[in-house]
Amino acid sequence: MKLDPHFKQFYSWARENNVPVIVLSSGMAPIIRALLVHLVGPETENIEIIANDVQDRPGKRQDQEGGWELKFHDNSDFGHDKSLAIRPYADHIAKMPENDRPTLLYAGDGVSDLSAARETDLLFAKKGMDLVTYCEREGIPFTLFEDWKTILATLKDIHSGKKSLEKVAAEGAEEAKHEEKEKETTK
């Protein structure tokens, strides 16, 4: 498994600017934690991970060969309905005074991210992936990203006030339309 090499730079910026980072994944929490620590560093021990877990297989222990099995985060069709994980954060933020509300952001690429697409202030959808198609069809505002470097550049623009969420989402929709037209002309 490979982690985007720009995630480390993104995470450093987020820490320096007191931007909380939560990993919301349909993967397995212990593997995600190990990857983050190995590829980014021990400072990632503070990242909250909301994901599926592993548990002992009946009659065995996890440290034995074949001794573990997947423990889904919830009982949804995908084993982890990410919208259910986001809602408590969104509900908490909604109760805050408007001037104190942080911006809730989400980055995703595929089918497991569909339920989360409507739950945040700004959705980053990975260029060329299923989530973009879904958002276009459903009229969900989003902006495109290629990697964590592009997410970081966008966040810096938002954080500095150079761009608004609305402008970023509008630019993302235009870029996606342009990408779709380019695909059609190259067929």
Protein backbone atom coordinates (compact mmCIF):
# COMPACT_ATOMS: atom_id res chain seq x y z
CA MET A 1 0.00 0.00 0.00
CA LYS A 2 1.28 3.44 -0.91
CA LEU A 3 0.66 6.77 0.76
CA ASP A 4 0.62 9.96 -1.31
CA PRO A 5 4.10 11.47 -0.78
CA HIS A 6 2.56 14.94 -0.32
CA PHE A 7 0.45 13.87 2.66
CA LYS A 8 3.38 14.47 5.01
CA GLN A 9 3.68 18.10 3.88
CA PHE A 10 -0.09 18.54 4.18
CA TYR A 11 -0.09 17.07 7.67
CA SER A 12 2.79 19.31 8.80
CA TRP A 13 0.91 22.40 7.56
CA ALA A 14 -2.28 21.22 9.26
CA ARG A 15 -0.47 20.77 12.59
CA GLU A 16 1.21 24.19 12.31
CA ASN A 17 -2.18 25.82 11.65
CA ASN A 18 -4.18 23.87 14.25
CA VAL A 19 -6.25 22.12 11.60
CA PRO A 20 -7.44 18.77 12.97
CA VAL A 21 -6.96 15.79 10.65
CA ILE A 22 -9.17 12.73 10.91
CA VAL A 23 -8.68 9.71 8.68
CA LEU A 24 -12.03 8.26 7.68
CA SER A 25 -11.49 5.02 5.81
CA SER A 26 -13.08 1.74 4.79
CA GLY A 27 -9.69 0.17 5.41
CA MET A 28 -8.44 -1.37 8.64
CA ALA A 29 -7.41 0.97 11.45
CA PRO A 30 -4.30 -0.97 12.57
CA ILE A 31 -2.88 -1.05 9.04
CA ILE A 32 -3.66 2.63 8.45
CA ARG A 33 -2.00 3.57 11.76
CA ALA A 34 1.11 1.52 10.95
CA LEU A 35 1.38 3.08 7.47
CA LEU A 36 1.03 6.60 8.82
CA VAL A 37 3.65 6.08 11.51
CA HIS A 38 6.04 4.35 9.09
CA LEU A 39 5.64 6.75 6.16
CA VAL A 40 4.96 10.08 7.90
CA GLY A 41 6.35 9.64 11.40
CA PRO A 42 5.42 9.11 15.04
CA GLU A 43 3.64 12.48 15.16
CA THR A 44 0.75 10.79 13.34
CA GLU A 45 -0.08 8.85 16.51
CA ASN A 46 -2.33 11.85 17.28
CA ILE A 47 -4.44 11.43 14.13
CA GLU A 48 -7.88 10.10 14.87
CA ILE A 49 -8.70 7.13 12.64
CA ILE A 50 -12.29 6.09 12.06
CA ALA A 51 -12.19 2.83 10.12
CA ASN A 52 -12.93 -0.85 10.24
CA ASP A 53 -10.98 -2.83 12.79
CA VAL A 54 -9.72 -6.35 13.28
CA GLN A 55 -10.64 -8.83 15.97
CA ASP A 56 -9.60 -12.29 17.10
CA ARG A 57 -10.99 -15.10 14.99
CA PRO A 58 -12.92 -17.55 17.21
CA GLY A 59 -10.48 -19.86 18.95
CA LYS A 60 -7.41 -17.86 17.85
CA ARG A 61 -5.48 -14.70 18.61
CA GLN A 62 -4.67 -11.92 16.17
CA ASP A 63 -0.94 -12.62 16.45
CA GLN A 64 -1.43 -16.19 15.17
CA GLU A 65 -1.50 -17.07 11.49
CA GLY A 66 -5.10 -16.70 10.31
CA GLY A 67 -6.00 -15.46 13.77
CA TRP A 68 -7.77 -12.25 12.86
CA GLU A 69 -10.90 -11.23 11.01
CA LEU A 70 -12.37 -7.95 9.88
CA LYS A 71 -14.65 -6.13 12.32
CA PHE A 72 -16.78 -3.69 10.34
CA HIS A 73 -17.28 -0.20 11.73
CA ASP A 74 -21.07 -0.43 11.33
CA ASN A 75 -23.76 -2.58 9.75
CA SER A 76 -24.14 -0.60 6.52
CA ASP A 77 -23.77 -2.15 3.05
CA PHE A 78 -20.10 -1.14 2.82
CA GLY A 79 -19.27 -1.94 6.45
CA HIS A 80 -18.61 1.72 7.12
CA ASP A 81 -21.12 4.44 6.26
CA LYS A 82 -18.83 7.45 6.37
CA SER A 83 -21.73 9.90 6.51
CA LEU A 84 -22.64 8.47 9.93
CA ALA A 85 -19.10 9.14 11.13
CA ILE A 86 -19.14 12.75 9.86
CA ARG A 87 -22.56 13.78 11.22
CA PRO A 88 -21.57 14.11 14.89
CA TYR A 89 -18.81 16.55 13.88
CA ALA A 90 -21.19 18.47 11.59
CA ASP A 91 -23.86 18.59 14.31
CA HIS A 92 -21.34 19.87 16.86
CA ILE A 93 -20.09 22.55 14.45
CA ALA A 94 -23.66 23.63 13.60
CA LYS A 95 -24.27 24.44 17.28
CA MET A 96 -21.26 26.76 17.46
CA PRO A 97 -21.57 30.54 16.98
CA GLU A 98 -21.25 31.25 13.24
CA ASN A 99 -17.98 33.20 13.58
CA ASP A 100 -16.37 30.32 15.51
CA ARG A 101 -17.35 27.51 13.14
CA PRO A 102 -14.48 25.65 11.51
CA THR A 103 -14.79 24.49 7.93
CA LEU A 104 -15.47 20.78 7.53
CA LEU A 105 -13.52 19.33 4.59
CA TYR A 106 -13.43 15.85 3.10
CA ALA A 107 -11.25 14.22 0.44
CA GLY A 108 -12.32 11.05 -1.32
CA ASP A 109 -12.18 9.14 -4.56
CA GLY A 110 -14.53 6.20 -4.82
CA VAL A 111 -17.66 4.27 -4.02
CA SER A 112 -17.02 4.15 -0.26
CA ASP A 113 -17.05 7.97 -0.25
CA LEU A 114 -20.47 8.45 -1.85
CA SER A 115 -22.39 8.64 1.43
CA ALA A 116 -20.00 11.27 2.79
CA ALA A 117 -20.19 13.52 -0.30
CA ARG A 118 -23.04 15.70 1.03
CA GLU A 119 -21.87 15.96 4.62
CA THR A 120 -19.14 18.61 4.58
CA ASP A 121 -18.58 22.25 3.66
CA LEU A 122 -16.16 21.36 0.86
CA LEU A 123 -15.57 18.05 -0.83
CA PHE A 124 -12.31 17.26 -2.58
CA ALA A 125 -13.01 14.60 -5.24
CA LYS A 126 -10.08 12.87 -6.90
CA LYS A 127 -9.76 13.70 -10.58
CA GLY A 128 -10.91 10.93 -12.91
CA MET A 129 -12.52 8.80 -10.20
CA ASP A 130 -16.09 7.58 -9.51
CA LEU A 131 -16.79 10.21 -6.87
CA VAL A 132 -16.51 12.99 -9.47
CA THR A 133 -19.08 11.32 -11.71
CA TYR A 134 -21.44 10.84 -8.77
CA CYS A 135 -21.12 14.46 -7.64
CA GLU A 136 -21.74 15.78 -11.15
CA ARG A 137 -24.84 13.59 -11.55
CA GLU A 138 -26.22 14.49 -8.11
CA GLY A 139 -25.35 18.21 -8.23
CA ILE A 140 -23.06 18.01 -5.20
CA PRO A 141 -20.51 20.86 -5.00
CA PHE A 142 -16.91 19.69 -5.07
CA THR A 143 -13.46 20.60 -6.19
CA LEU A 144 -11.03 18.32 -7.96
CA PHE A 145 -7.72 17.16 -6.56
CA GLU A 146 -4.86 15.16 -7.99
CA ASP A 147 -2.90 14.57 -4.80
CA TRP A 148 -2.38 16.05 -1.33
CA LYS A 149 -0.18 18.75 -2.85
CA THR A 150 -3.20 20.19 -4.70
CA ILE A 151 -5.37 19.87 -1.59
CA LEU A 152 -2.74 21.72 0.43
CA ALA A 153 -2.50 24.55 -2.11
CA THR A 154 -6.29 24.95 -2.04
CA LEU A 155 -6.42 24.89 1.75
CA LYS A 156 -3.73 27.54 1.96
CA ASP A 157 -5.78 29.76 -0.38
CA ILE A 158 -8.89 29.26 1.76
CA HIS A 159 -7.04 29.69 5.05
CA SER A 160 -5.40 32.94 3.90
CA GLY A 161 -8.71 34.33 2.60
CA LYS A 162 -7.45 34.39 -0.98
CA LYS A 163 -10.38 32.16 -2.04
CA SER A 164 -13.78 31.34 -0.57
CA LEU A 165 -15.30 27.89 -0.32
CA GLU A 166 -17.88 28.92 -2.92
CA LYS A 167 -15.18 30.05 -5.36
CA VAL A 168 -13.19 26.85 -4.89
CA ALA A 169 -16.30 24.71 -5.48
CA ALA A 170 -17.27 26.74 -8.57
CA GLU A 171 -13.75 26.38 -9.99
CA GLY A 172 -13.87 22.65 -9.29
CA ALA A 173 -17.14 22.27 -11.18
CA GLU A 174 -15.73 24.19 -14.15
CA GLU A 175 -12.55 22.13 -14.16
CA ALA A 176 -14.56 18.90 -14.07
CA LYS A 177 -16.70 20.07 -17.03
CA HIS A 178 -13.54 20.97 -18.94
CA GLU A 179 -12.03 17.55 -18.15
CA GLU A 180 -15.20 15.82 -19.38
CA LYS A 181 -15.18 17.80 -22.65
CA GLU A 182 -11.52 16.89 -23.21
CA LYS A 183 -12.33 13.19 -22.71
CA GLU A 184 -15.13 13.40 -25.26
CA THR A 185 -12.98 15.12 -27.88
CA THR A 186 -10.19 12.53 -27.55
CA LYS A 187 -12.54 9.57 -28.13
